[in-house]
Amino acid sequence: MKVIVTGAAGFIGSHLVDRLLARGDRVVGVDSFDTFYDPAIKRRNLEGALAGGGFALAEADIRDLQAMGDAVRRAGGEGADAIVHLAARAGVRPSIAQPALYADVNVNGTVQVLELARALGVRRFVFGSSSSVYGNAPRVPFSESDPVDAPISPYAATKRAGELICHTYRHLHGLSIACLRFFTVYGPRQRPDLAIHSFARRMAAGEPVPLFGDGSSQRDYTYVDDIVDGIEGALAFTEGEPRFEIFNLGESRTTTLRRLVELLSGALGVEPRIEWKPPQPGDVERTFADVSRARRVLGYAPRVPVEDGIPRFVAWLRAQG
């Protein structure tokens, strides 16, 4: 296959690029190297892909269809079989401070990537959504058939909007689309602002770790390799007749914030210094994925429990120096 991956230099995107190249696909990666976090980190994420064959980089902002289309064509994107759209402005808390920016990147940007698919004649499309669309849903585990009309952050609202726009393109233009709701992804190359990465660095440096709430909040932590397995399944799902479906990709179990800190401190061999803070607006109380649909349709089978994934992440972090 030839696959276009937006957000290719990011955490999940760079792992997907490596997986696709390892199986023999050709990949055109789209990334703007936004300054939300250090672009040098993202460029390092692609060093292996750029050093080998089969990968070309198109530096462009997904909000600019003309510039993105030109860059993708120069990188050899004509004749692509599928697009995996992972580029987004991420983060619940920052979205509260910059809602217009999040709407522009995540909603308008998604429209432009769908328009790119139309312009290139690409019929297969995978969209990276988020478990945040469920808000504080009372019933667990979260199922794709649950109502998702009560998001509690602008980020969550933009991801739900992206799903709805994808459905529109399936209806109007015959694209075959899989929307994937990712549940708290972690692992090597995780963004430095995310909890596991931030907590680990603080603990290793002997700095206090800020914990919001009382430590009872729960997350369905999902190792990045399992997420990439799910994306591969979604690419296969979009082959053939046009279709639209939403899938949860999670570990399908929960870990409390207190337990997460215990696992990190154990892997690091340090005693954490905790700094308790009030709960943050926009943060959900728990996430918990029902992955039965993904198991049945995509062959999704998460293999890395958090007890194994945290030591793997810590080993990678230590290797960074």
C-alpha atoms as a PDB file:
ATOM      1  CA  MET A   1       0.000   0.000   0.000  1.00  0.00           C
ATOM      2  CA  LYS A   2       0.815   3.662  -0.242  1.00  0.00           C
ATOM      3  CA  VAL A   3      -0.500   5.456   2.857  1.00  0.00           C
ATOM      4  CA  ILE A   4      -0.632   9.159   3.706  1.00  0.00           C
ATOM      5  CA  VAL A   5      -0.275   9.749   7.467  1.00  0.00           C
ATOM      6  CA  THR A   6      -1.033  13.198   8.894  1.00  0.00           C
ATOM      7  CA  GLY A   7       0.642  14.016  12.186  1.00  0.00           C
ATOM      8  CA  ALA A   8       3.376  11.605  11.101  1.00  0.00           C
ATOM      9  CA  ALA A   9       6.034  13.072  13.390  1.00  0.00           C
ATOM     10  CA  GLY A  10       3.906  12.870  16.512  1.00  0.00           C
ATOM     11  CA  PHE A  11       3.743  10.182  19.170  1.00  0.00           C
ATOM     12  CA  ILE A  12       1.240   7.782  17.622  1.00  0.00           C
ATOM     13  CA  GLY A  13       1.910   8.900  14.052  1.00  0.00           C
ATOM     14  CA  SER A  14       5.625   8.095  14.129  1.00  0.00           C
ATOM     15  CA  HIS A  15       4.955   4.627  15.563  1.00  0.00           C
ATOM     16  CA  LEU A  16       2.425   4.005  12.807  1.00  0.00           C
ATOM     17  CA  VAL A  17       4.904   5.169  10.147  1.00  0.00           C
ATOM     18  CA  ASP A  18       7.507   2.726  11.460  1.00  0.00           C
ATOM     19  CA  ARG A  19       4.984  -0.130  11.474  1.00  0.00           C
ATOM     20  CA  LEU A  20       3.799   0.555   7.918  1.00  0.00           C
ATOM     21  CA  LEU A  21       7.363   0.775   6.623  1.00  0.00           C
ATOM     22  CA  ALA A  22       8.295  -2.456   8.420  1.00  0.00           C
ATOM     23  CA  ARG A  23       5.517  -4.309   6.610  1.00  0.00           C
ATOM     24  CA  GLY A  24       6.643  -2.947   3.237  1.00  0.00           C
ATOM     25  CA  ASP A  25       4.229  -0.071   2.641  1.00  0.00           C
ATOM     26  CA  ARG A  26       5.218   3.271   1.191  1.00  0.00           C
ATOM     27  CA  VAL A  27       4.348   6.231   3.387  1.00  0.00           C
ATOM     28  CA  VAL A  28       3.953   9.960   2.820  1.00  0.00           C
ATOM     29  CA  GLY A  29       4.007  11.729   6.173  1.00  0.00           C
ATOM     30  CA  VAL A  30       2.360  15.125   6.646  1.00  0.00           C
ATOM     31  CA  ASP A  31       3.411  17.299   9.581  1.00  0.00           C
ATOM     32  CA  SER A  32       3.679  21.019  10.298  1.00  0.00           C
ATOM     33  CA  PHE A  33       6.079  20.587  13.261  1.00  0.00           C
ATOM     34  CA  ASP A  34       3.881  22.829  15.343  1.00  0.00           C
ATOM     35  CA  THR A  35       5.493  24.398  18.429  1.00  0.00           C
ATOM     36  CA  PHE A  36       2.920  22.963  20.897  1.00  0.00           C
ATOM     37  CA  TYR A  37       5.959  21.008  22.050  1.00  0.00           C
ATOM     38  CA  ASP A  38       9.582  21.051  20.845  1.00  0.00           C
ATOM     39  CA  PRO A  39       9.655  20.352  17.076  1.00  0.00           C
ATOM     40  CA  ALA A  40      13.125  18.841  17.509  1.00  0.00           C
ATOM     41  CA  ILE A  41      11.530  15.971  19.451  1.00  0.00           C
ATOM     42  CA  LYS A  42       9.167  15.300  16.571  1.00  0.00           C
ATOM     43  CA  ARG A  43      11.975  15.406  14.023  1.00  0.00           C
ATOM     44  CA  ARG A  44      13.859  12.790  16.062  1.00  0.00           C
ATOM     45  CA  ASN A  45      10.751  10.610  15.940  1.00  0.00           C
ATOM     46  CA  LEU A  46      11.148  10.375  12.153  1.00  0.00           C
ATOM     47  CA  GLU A  47      14.907   9.828  11.979  1.00  0.00           C
ATOM     48  CA  GLY A  48      14.560   6.103  11.390  1.00  0.00           C
ATOM     49  CA  ALA A  49      11.889   6.533   8.732  1.00  0.00           C
ATOM     50  CA  LEU A  50      13.884   9.185   6.887  1.00  0.00           C
ATOM     51  CA  ALA A  51      17.048   7.095   6.996  1.00  0.00           C
ATOM     52  CA  GLY A  52      15.402   4.113   5.347  1.00  0.00           C
ATOM     53  CA  GLY A  53      13.489   3.757   2.117  1.00  0.00           C
ATOM     54  CA  GLY A  54       9.820   4.089   1.397  1.00  0.00           C
ATOM     55  CA  PHE A  55       9.136   7.276   3.359  1.00  0.00           C
ATOM     56  CA  ALA A  56       8.729  10.864   2.157  1.00  0.00           C
ATOM     57  CA  LEU A  57       7.936  13.890   4.300  1.00  0.00           C
ATOM     58  CA  ALA A  58       5.488  16.631   3.299  1.00  0.00           C
ATOM     59  CA  GLU A  59       5.827  19.612   5.634  1.00  0.00           C
ATOM     60  CA  ALA A  60       2.484  21.418   5.617  1.00  0.00           C
ATOM     61  CA  ASP A  61      -0.325  22.737   7.794  1.00  0.00           C
ATOM     62  CA  ILE A  62      -3.477  20.639   7.398  1.00  0.00           C
ATOM     63  CA  ARG A  63      -5.599  23.818   7.468  1.00  0.00           C
ATOM     64  CA  ASP A  64      -4.106  24.965   4.148  1.00  0.00           C
ATOM     65  CA  LEU A  65      -5.490  22.610   1.507  1.00  0.00           C
ATOM     66  CA  GLN A  66      -3.525  24.107  -1.380  1.00  0.00           C
ATOM     67  CA  ALA A  67      -0.167  24.004   0.414  1.00  0.00           C
ATOM     68  CA  MET A  68      -0.844  20.560   1.849  1.00  0.00           C
ATOM     69  CA  GLY A  69      -1.910  19.171  -1.512  1.00  0.00           C
ATOM     70  CA  ASP A  70       1.165  20.597  -3.245  1.00  0.00           C
ATOM     71  CA  ALA A  71       3.501  19.202  -0.562  1.00  0.00           C
ATOM     72  CA  VAL A  72       1.862  15.764  -0.653  1.00  0.00           C
ATOM     73  CA  ARG A  73       2.084  15.597  -4.445  1.00  0.00           C
ATOM     74  CA  ARG A  74       5.762  16.608  -4.384  1.00  0.00           C
ATOM     75  CA  ALA A  75       6.352  13.840  -1.838  1.00  0.00           C
ATOM     76  CA  GLY A  76       4.759  11.275  -4.139  1.00  0.00           C
ATOM     77  CA  GLY A  77       1.297  11.110  -2.602  1.00  0.00           C
ATOM     78  CA  GLU A  78      -0.512  10.675  -5.924  1.00  0.00           C
ATOM     79  CA  GLY A  79      -2.050   7.236  -6.172  1.00  0.00           C
ATOM     80  CA  ALA A  80      -2.248   6.721  -2.404  1.00  0.00           C
ATOM     81  CA  ASP A  81      -4.507   3.915  -1.220  1.00  0.00           C
ATOM     82  CA  ALA A  82      -5.491   5.398   2.151  1.00  0.00           C
ATOM     83  CA  ILE A  83      -5.143   8.351   4.514  1.00  0.00           C
ATOM     84  CA  VAL A  84      -4.699   7.987   8.271  1.00  0.00           C
ATOM     85  CA  HIS A  85      -5.543  11.345   9.817  1.00  0.00           C
ATOM     86  CA  LEU A  86      -3.824  11.738  13.201  1.00  0.00           C
ATOM     87  CA  ALA A  87      -2.818  15.411  13.049  1.00  0.00           C
ATOM     88  CA  ALA A  88      -4.607  17.451  15.704  1.00  0.00           C
ATOM     89  CA  ARG A  89      -4.232  20.045  18.383  1.00  0.00           C
ATOM     90  CA  ALA A  90      -4.210  17.790  21.446  1.00  0.00           C
ATOM     91  CA  GLY A  91      -4.954  18.269  25.121  1.00  0.00           C
ATOM     92  CA  VAL A  92      -8.074  18.862  27.193  1.00  0.00           C
ATOM     93  CA  ARG A  93      -6.804  21.639  29.448  1.00  0.00           C
ATOM     94  CA  PRO A  94      -5.112  23.747  26.737  1.00  0.00           C
ATOM     95  CA  SER A  95      -8.302  23.576  24.682  1.00  0.00           C
ATOM     96  CA  ILE A  96     -10.155  25.444  27.421  1.00  0.00           C
ATOM     97  CA  ALA A  97      -7.697  28.320  27.081  1.00  0.00           C
ATOM     98  CA  GLN A  98      -7.645  28.285  23.244  1.00  0.00           C
ATOM     99  CA  PRO A  99     -10.991  26.952  21.995  1.00  0.00           C
ATOM    100  CA  ALA A 100     -10.905  28.815  18.680  1.00  0.00           C
ATOM    101  CA  LEU A 101      -7.492  27.404  17.806  1.00  0.00           C
ATOM    102  CA  TYR A 102      -8.634  23.881  18.643  1.00  0.00           C
ATOM    103  CA  ALA A 103     -11.725  24.269  16.497  1.00  0.00           C
ATOM    104  CA  ASP A 104      -9.645  25.607  13.610  1.00  0.00           C
ATOM    105  CA  VAL A 105      -7.053  22.825  13.664  1.00  0.00           C
ATOM    106  CA  ASN A 106      -9.237  19.886  14.642  1.00  0.00           C
ATOM    107  CA  VAL A 107     -12.458  20.696  12.803  1.00  0.00           C
ATOM    108  CA  ASN A 108     -11.404  22.835   9.833  1.00  0.00           C
ATOM    109  CA  GLY A 109      -8.186  20.823   9.518  1.00  0.00           C
ATOM    110  CA  THR A 110     -10.144  17.566   9.326  1.00  0.00           C
ATOM    111  CA  VAL A 111     -12.372  19.017   6.605  1.00  0.00           C
ATOM    112  CA  GLN A 112      -9.265  19.963   4.602  1.00  0.00           C
ATOM    113  CA  VAL A 113      -7.750  16.478   4.952  1.00  0.00           C
ATOM    114  CA  LEU A 114     -11.038  14.951   3.773  1.00  0.00           C
ATOM    115  CA  GLU A 115     -10.960  17.371   0.848  1.00  0.00           C
ATOM    116  CA  LEU A 116      -7.403  16.236   0.141  1.00  0.00           C
ATOM    117  CA  ALA A 117      -8.698  12.672   0.001  1.00  0.00           C
ATOM    118  CA  ARG A 118     -11.296  13.739  -2.554  1.00  0.00           C
ATOM    119  CA  ALA A 119      -8.747  15.675  -4.604  1.00  0.00           C
ATOM    120  CA  LEU A 120      -6.382  12.690  -4.733  1.00  0.00           C
ATOM    121  CA  GLY A 121      -9.141  10.149  -5.290  1.00  0.00           C
ATOM    122  CA  VAL A 122      -8.364   8.371  -2.003  1.00  0.00           C
ATOM    123  CA  ARG A 123     -11.420   6.409  -0.831  1.00  0.00           C
ATOM    124  CA  ARG A 124     -10.090   4.851   2.388  1.00  0.00           C
ATOM    125  CA  PHE A 125      -9.833   7.080   5.460  1.00  0.00           C
ATOM    126  CA  VAL A 126      -8.978   6.430   9.120  1.00  0.00           C
ATOM    127  CA  PHE A 127      -9.657   9.210  11.630  1.00  0.00           C
ATOM    128  CA  GLY A 128      -7.996   9.441  15.045  1.00  0.00           C
ATOM    129  CA  SER A 129     -10.691  10.403  17.537  1.00  0.00           C
ATOM    130  CA  SER A 130     -10.637  10.306  21.338  1.00  0.00           C
ATOM    131  CA  SER A 131     -12.282   8.711  24.350  1.00  0.00           C
ATOM    132  CA  SER A 132     -12.888  12.261  25.590  1.00  0.00           C
ATOM    133  CA  VAL A 133     -16.057  12.338  23.450  1.00  0.00           C
ATOM    134  CA  TYR A 134     -17.802  10.243  26.129  1.00  0.00           C
ATOM    135  CA  GLY A 135     -17.484  13.018  28.728  1.00  0.00           C
ATOM    136  CA  ASN A 136     -18.530  11.876  32.207  1.00  0.00           C
ATOM    137  CA  ALA A 137     -20.788   9.110  30.929  1.00  0.00           C
ATOM    138  CA  PRO A 138     -22.214   7.244  33.930  1.00  0.00           C
ATOM    139  CA  ARG A 139     -22.299   3.770  32.368  1.00  0.00           C
ATOM    140  CA  VAL A 140     -19.077   1.810  31.976  1.00  0.00           C
ATOM    141  CA  PRO A 141     -17.419   0.443  30.028  1.00  0.00           C
ATOM    142  CA  PHE A 142     -17.996   3.034  27.291  1.00  0.00           C
ATOM    143  CA  SER A 143     -19.611   1.579  24.172  1.00  0.00           C
ATOM    144  CA  GLU A 144     -19.631   3.096  20.699  1.00  0.00           C
ATOM    145  CA  SER A 145     -23.430   3.023  20.829  1.00  0.00           C
ATOM    146  CA  ASP A 146     -23.533   5.260  23.934  1.00  0.00           C
ATOM    147  CA  PRO A 147     -24.736   8.882  23.577  1.00  0.00           C
ATOM    148  CA  VAL A 148     -21.839  11.301  23.066  1.00  0.00           C
ATOM    149  CA  ASP A 149     -23.723  14.598  23.090  1.00  0.00           C
ATOM    150  CA  ALA A 150     -22.304  15.990  26.346  1.00  0.00           C
ATOM    151  CA  PRO A 151     -18.569  16.726  25.893  1.00  0.00           C
ATOM    152  CA  ILE A 152     -16.979  18.652  28.759  1.00  0.00           C
ATOM    153  CA  SER A 153     -14.031  20.269  26.956  1.00  0.00           C
ATOM    154  CA  PRO A 154     -13.541  22.028  23.617  1.00  0.00           C
ATOM    155  CA  TYR A 155     -11.042  19.314  22.642  1.00  0.00           C
ATOM    156  CA  ALA A 156     -13.680  16.615  23.158  1.00  0.00           C
ATOM    157  CA  ALA A 157     -16.227  18.624  21.182  1.00  0.00           C
ATOM    158  CA  THR A 158     -13.823  19.016  18.247  1.00  0.00           C
ATOM    159  CA  LYS A 159     -13.168  15.285  18.140  1.00  0.00           C
ATOM    160  CA  ARG A 160     -16.890  14.506  18.082  1.00  0.00           C
ATOM    161  CA  ALA A 161     -17.300  17.109  15.356  1.00  0.00           C
ATOM    162  CA  GLY A 162     -14.580  15.348  13.367  1.00  0.00           C
ATOM    163  CA  GLU A 163     -16.485  12.071  13.583  1.00  0.00           C
ATOM    164  CA  LEU A 164     -19.666  13.727  12.338  1.00  0.00           C
ATOM    165  CA  ILE A 165     -17.849  15.383   9.441  1.00  0.00           C
ATOM    166  CA  CYS A 166     -16.379  12.005   8.497  1.00  0.00           C
ATOM    167  CA  HIS A 167     -19.871  10.527   8.432  1.00  0.00           C
ATOM    168  CA  THR A 168     -20.989  13.317   6.118  1.00  0.00           C
ATOM    169  CA  TYR A 169     -18.169  12.511   3.674  1.00  0.00           C
ATOM    170  CA  ARG A 170     -19.110   8.847   3.704  1.00  0.00           C
ATOM    171  CA  HIS A 171     -22.698   9.798   2.877  1.00  0.00           C
ATOM    172  CA  LEU A 172     -21.986  12.450   0.247  1.00  0.00           C
ATOM    173  CA  HIS A 173     -18.787  11.245  -1.385  1.00  0.00           C
ATOM    174  CA  GLY A 174     -18.632   7.489  -0.828  1.00  0.00           C
ATOM    175  CA  LEU A 175     -15.499   7.410   1.299  1.00  0.00           C
ATOM    176  CA  SER A 176     -14.910   4.320   3.423  1.00  0.00           C
ATOM    177  CA  ILE A 177     -14.121   5.570   6.937  1.00  0.00           C
ATOM    178  CA  ALA A 178     -13.136   4.167  10.333  1.00  0.00           C
ATOM    179  CA  CYS A 179     -13.117   6.545  13.313  1.00  0.00           C
ATOM    180  CA  LEU A 180     -10.957   5.316  16.197  1.00  0.00           C
ATOM    181  CA  ARG A 181     -11.544   6.520  19.750  1.00  0.00           C
ATOM    182  CA  PHE A 182      -8.148   6.261  21.430  1.00  0.00           C
ATOM    183  CA  PHE A 183      -8.072   5.706  25.204  1.00  0.00           C
ATOM    184  CA  THR A 184      -5.133   7.393  27.065  1.00  0.00           C
ATOM    185  CA  VAL A 185      -2.260   6.213  24.885  1.00  0.00           C
ATOM    186  CA  TYR A 186       1.232   5.932  26.400  1.00  0.00           C
ATOM    187  CA  GLY A 187       4.616   4.454  25.568  1.00  0.00           C
ATOM    188  CA  PRO A 188       7.938   5.506  24.007  1.00  0.00           C
ATOM    189  CA  ARG A 189       7.846   8.957  22.329  1.00  0.00           C
ATOM    190  CA  GLN A 190       4.807  10.014  24.373  1.00  0.00           C
ATOM    191  CA  ARG A 191       4.364  13.787  24.396  1.00  0.00           C
ATOM    192  CA  PRO A 192       6.335  15.356  27.273  1.00  0.00           C
ATOM    193  CA  ASP A 193       3.268  17.195  28.613  1.00  0.00           C
ATOM    194  CA  LEU A 194       1.207  14.042  29.145  1.00  0.00           C
ATOM    195  CA  ALA A 195       0.826  12.635  32.650  1.00  0.00           C
ATOM    196  CA  ILE A 196       2.954   9.483  32.492  1.00  0.00           C
ATOM    197  CA  HIS A 197       5.868  11.236  30.789  1.00  0.00           C
ATOM    198  CA  SER A 198       5.660  14.333  32.971  1.00  0.00           C
ATOM    199  CA  PHE A 199       5.289  12.352  36.214  1.00  0.00           C
ATOM    200  CA  ALA A 200       8.215  10.071  35.368  1.00  0.00           C
ATOM    201  CA  ARG A 201      10.572  12.933  34.586  1.00  0.00           C
ATOM    202  CA  ARG A 202       9.615  14.748  37.771  1.00  0.00           C
ATOM    203  CA  MET A 203      10.062  11.644  39.911  1.00  0.00           C
ATOM    204  CA  ALA A 204      13.442  10.858  38.342  1.00  0.00           C
ATOM    205  CA  ALA A 205      14.584  14.427  39.058  1.00  0.00           C
ATOM    206  CA  GLY A 206      13.318  14.338  42.652  1.00  0.00           C
ATOM    207  CA  GLU A 207      10.732  17.011  41.928  1.00  0.00           C
ATOM    208  CA  PRO A 208       7.196  17.042  43.376  1.00  0.00           C
ATOM    209  CA  VAL A 209       4.477  15.465  41.241  1.00  0.00           C
ATOM    210  CA  PRO A 210       1.242  17.510  40.989  1.00  0.00           C
ATOM    211  CA  LEU A 211      -1.831  15.288  41.250  1.00  0.00           C
ATOM    212  CA  PHE A 212      -5.254  16.795  40.576  1.00  0.00           C
ATOM    213  CA  GLY A 213      -8.206  15.556  42.631  1.00  0.00           C
ATOM    214  CA  ASP A 214      -7.964  12.857  45.274  1.00  0.00           C
ATOM    215  CA  GLY A 215      -6.163  10.204  43.199  1.00  0.00           C
ATOM    216  CA  SER A 216      -9.293   8.141  42.567  1.00  0.00           C
ATOM    217  CA  SER A 217      -9.785   9.184  38.916  1.00  0.00           C
ATOM    218  CA  GLN A 218      -9.446   6.242  36.543  1.00  0.00           C
ATOM    219  CA  ARG A 219      -8.031   5.889  33.049  1.00  0.00           C
ATOM    220  CA  ASP A 220      -7.940   3.095  30.525  1.00  0.00           C
ATOM    221  CA  TYR A 221      -4.202   3.318  29.747  1.00  0.00           C
ATOM    222  CA  THR A 222      -3.409   1.819  26.339  1.00  0.00           C
ATOM    223  CA  TYR A 223       0.086   0.980  25.128  1.00  0.00           C
ATOM    224  CA  VAL A 224       0.995   2.540  21.791  1.00  0.00           C
ATOM    225  CA  ASP A 225       1.794  -0.790  20.081  1.00  0.00           C
ATOM    226  CA  ASP A 226      -1.761  -1.955  20.779  1.00  0.00           C
ATOM    227  CA  ILE A 227      -3.134   1.273  19.287  1.00  0.00           C
ATOM    228  CA  VAL A 228      -1.071   0.770  16.130  1.00  0.00           C
ATOM    229  CA  ASP A 229      -2.420  -2.791  15.892  1.00  0.00           C
ATOM    230  CA  GLY A 230      -5.905  -1.263  15.915  1.00  0.00           C
ATOM    231  CA  ILE A 231      -5.016   1.257  13.213  1.00  0.00           C
ATOM    232  CA  GLU A 232      -3.729  -1.565  11.016  1.00  0.00           C
ATOM    233  CA  GLY A 233      -7.034  -3.357  11.518  1.00  0.00           C
ATOM    234  CA  ALA A 234      -8.915  -0.183  10.625  1.00  0.00           C
ATOM    235  CA  LEU A 235      -6.954   0.182   7.387  1.00  0.00           C
ATOM    236  CA  ALA A 236      -7.992  -3.324   6.409  1.00  0.00           C
ATOM    237  CA  PHE A 237     -11.602  -2.549   7.397  1.00  0.00           C
ATOM    238  CA  THR A 238     -11.806   0.384   4.951  1.00  0.00           C
ATOM    239  CA  GLU A 239     -10.994  -1.819   1.954  1.00  0.00           C
ATOM    240  CA  GLY A 240     -13.869  -2.659  -0.364  1.00  0.00           C
ATOM    241  CA  GLU A 241     -17.318  -1.111  -0.365  1.00  0.00           C
ATOM    242  CA  PRO A 242     -17.777   2.328   1.265  1.00  0.00           C
ATOM    243  CA  ARG A 243     -18.609   2.054   4.949  1.00  0.00           C
ATOM    244  CA  PHE A 244     -18.522   4.093   8.140  1.00  0.00           C
ATOM    245  CA  GLU A 245     -17.891   2.781  11.628  1.00  0.00           C
ATOM    246  CA  ILE A 246     -16.611   3.963  15.005  1.00  0.00           C
ATOM    247  CA  PHE A 247     -14.345   1.791  17.153  1.00  0.00           C
ATOM    248  CA  ASN A 248     -12.976   2.082  20.687  1.00  0.00           C
ATOM    249  CA  LEU A 249      -9.280   1.263  21.022  1.00  0.00           C
ATOM    250  CA  GLY A 250      -8.383   0.799  24.678  1.00  0.00           C
ATOM    251  CA  GLU A 251      -6.857  -1.720  27.058  1.00  0.00           C
ATOM    252  CA  SER A 252     -10.379  -2.369  28.411  1.00  0.00           C
ATOM    253  CA  ARG A 253      -9.453  -2.025  32.077  1.00  0.00           C
ATOM    254  CA  THR A 254      -8.959   0.929  34.409  1.00  0.00           C
ATOM    255  CA  THR A 255      -6.105   2.147  36.605  1.00  0.00           C
ATOM    256  CA  THR A 256      -6.497   4.798  39.268  1.00  0.00           C
ATOM    257  CA  LEU A 257      -4.204   7.803  39.406  1.00  0.00           C
ATOM    258  CA  ARG A 258      -2.780   6.580  42.720  1.00  0.00           C
ATOM    259  CA  ARG A 259      -2.005   3.170  41.213  1.00  0.00           C
ATOM    260  CA  LEU A 260      -0.342   4.792  38.212  1.00  0.00           C
ATOM    261  CA  VAL A 261       1.997   6.713  40.521  1.00  0.00           C
ATOM    262  CA  GLU A 262       2.812   3.467  42.356  1.00  0.00           C
ATOM    263  CA  LEU A 263       3.686   1.726  39.089  1.00  0.00           C
ATOM    264  CA  LEU A 264       5.887   4.612  37.942  1.00  0.00           C
ATOM    265  CA  SER A 265       7.696   4.940  41.254  1.00  0.00           C
ATOM    266  CA  GLY A 266       8.264   1.179  41.359  1.00  0.00           C
ATOM    267  CA  ALA A 267       9.722   1.107  37.836  1.00  0.00           C
ATOM    268  CA  LEU A 268      11.919   4.116  38.593  1.00  0.00           C
ATOM    269  CA  GLY A 269      12.939   2.898  42.038  1.00  0.00           C
ATOM    270  CA  VAL A 270      12.128   6.217  43.722  1.00  0.00           C
ATOM    271  CA  GLU A 271       9.789   7.478  46.417  1.00  0.00           C
ATOM    272  CA  PRO A 272       7.462  10.077  44.841  1.00  0.00           C
ATOM    273  CA  ARG A 273       6.810  13.474  46.385  1.00  0.00           C
ATOM    274  CA  ILE A 274       3.120  14.221  45.837  1.00  0.00           C
ATOM    275  CA  GLU A 275       1.668  17.715  45.569  1.00  0.00           C
ATOM    276  CA  TRP A 276      -2.120  17.486  45.778  1.00  0.00           C
ATOM    277  CA  LYS A 277      -4.130  20.012  43.761  1.00  0.00           C
ATOM    278  CA  PRO A 278      -7.854  20.663  43.122  1.00  0.00           C
ATOM    279  CA  PRO A 279      -9.565  18.841  40.244  1.00  0.00           C
ATOM    280  CA  GLN A 280      -9.145  20.501  36.846  1.00  0.00           C
ATOM    281  CA  PRO A 281     -12.050  21.682  34.673  1.00  0.00           C
ATOM    282  CA  GLY A 282     -12.532  19.480  31.626  1.00  0.00           C
ATOM    283  CA  ASP A 283     -10.961  16.366  33.162  1.00  0.00           C
ATOM    284  CA  VAL A 284     -13.283  13.360  33.114  1.00  0.00           C
ATOM    285  CA  GLU A 285     -13.606  11.119  36.174  1.00  0.00           C
ATOM    286  CA  ARG A 286     -12.826   7.891  34.313  1.00  0.00           C
ATOM    287  CA  THR A 287     -12.361   6.308  30.914  1.00  0.00           C
ATOM    288  CA  PHE A 288     -13.059   2.641  30.278  1.00  0.00           C
ATOM    289  CA  ALA A 289     -13.348   1.093  26.810  1.00  0.00           C
ATOM    290  CA  ASP A 290     -15.674  -1.627  25.651  1.00  0.00           C
ATOM    291  CA  VAL A 291     -13.545  -3.021  22.808  1.00  0.00           C
ATOM    292  CA  SER A 292     -15.862  -5.882  21.799  1.00  0.00           C
ATOM    293  CA  ARG A 293     -16.689  -4.249  18.457  1.00  0.00           C
ATOM    294  CA  ALA A 294     -13.016  -3.700  17.633  1.00  0.00           C
ATOM    295  CA  ARG A 295     -12.236  -7.295  18.637  1.00  0.00           C
ATOM    296  CA  ARG A 296     -15.006  -8.652  16.427  1.00  0.00           C
ATOM    297  CA  VAL A 297     -14.540  -6.472  13.356  1.00  0.00           C
ATOM    298  CA  LEU A 298     -10.874  -5.436  13.400  1.00  0.00           C
ATOM    299  CA  GLY A 299      -9.352  -8.427  15.157  1.00  0.00           C
ATOM    300  CA  TYR A 300      -8.127  -6.022  17.844  1.00  0.00           C
ATOM    301  CA  ALA A 301      -6.550  -7.761  20.848  1.00  0.00           C
ATOM    302  CA  PRO A 302      -4.604  -5.513  23.268  1.00  0.00           C
ATOM    303  CA  ARG A 303      -1.566  -7.382  24.575  1.00  0.00           C
ATOM    304  CA  VAL A 304       0.303  -4.984  26.886  1.00  0.00           C
ATOM    305  CA  PRO A 305      -1.175  -4.474  30.358  1.00  0.00           C
ATOM    306  CA  VAL A 306      -0.161  -1.317  32.192  1.00  0.00           C
ATOM    307  CA  GLU A 307       1.979  -3.376  34.600  1.00  0.00           C
ATOM    308  CA  ASP A 308       4.197  -4.305  31.632  1.00  0.00           C
ATOM    309  CA  GLY A 309       3.853  -1.084  29.662  1.00  0.00           C
ATOM    310  CA  ILE A 310       5.044   1.281  32.399  1.00  0.00           C
ATOM    311  CA  PRO A 311       8.433  -0.496  32.819  1.00  0.00           C
ATOM    312  CA  ARG A 312       8.849  -0.451  29.030  1.00  0.00           C
ATOM    313  CA  PHE A 313       8.189   3.290  28.990  1.00  0.00           C
ATOM    314  CA  VAL A 314      10.627   3.899  31.851  1.00  0.00           C
ATOM    315  CA  ALA A 315      13.324   1.893  30.053  1.00  0.00           C
ATOM    316  CA  TRP A 316      12.849   4.079  26.969  1.00  0.00           C
ATOM    317  CA  LEU A 317      12.918   7.253  29.058  1.00  0.00           C
ATOM    318  CA  ARG A 318      16.185   6.271  30.714  1.00  0.00           C
ATOM    319  CA  ALA A 319      17.709   5.500  27.327  1.00  0.00           C
ATOM    320  CA  GLN A 320      17.014   9.121  26.299  1.00  0.00           C
ATOM    321  CA  GLY A 321      19.480  10.318  28.945  1.00  0.00           C
END
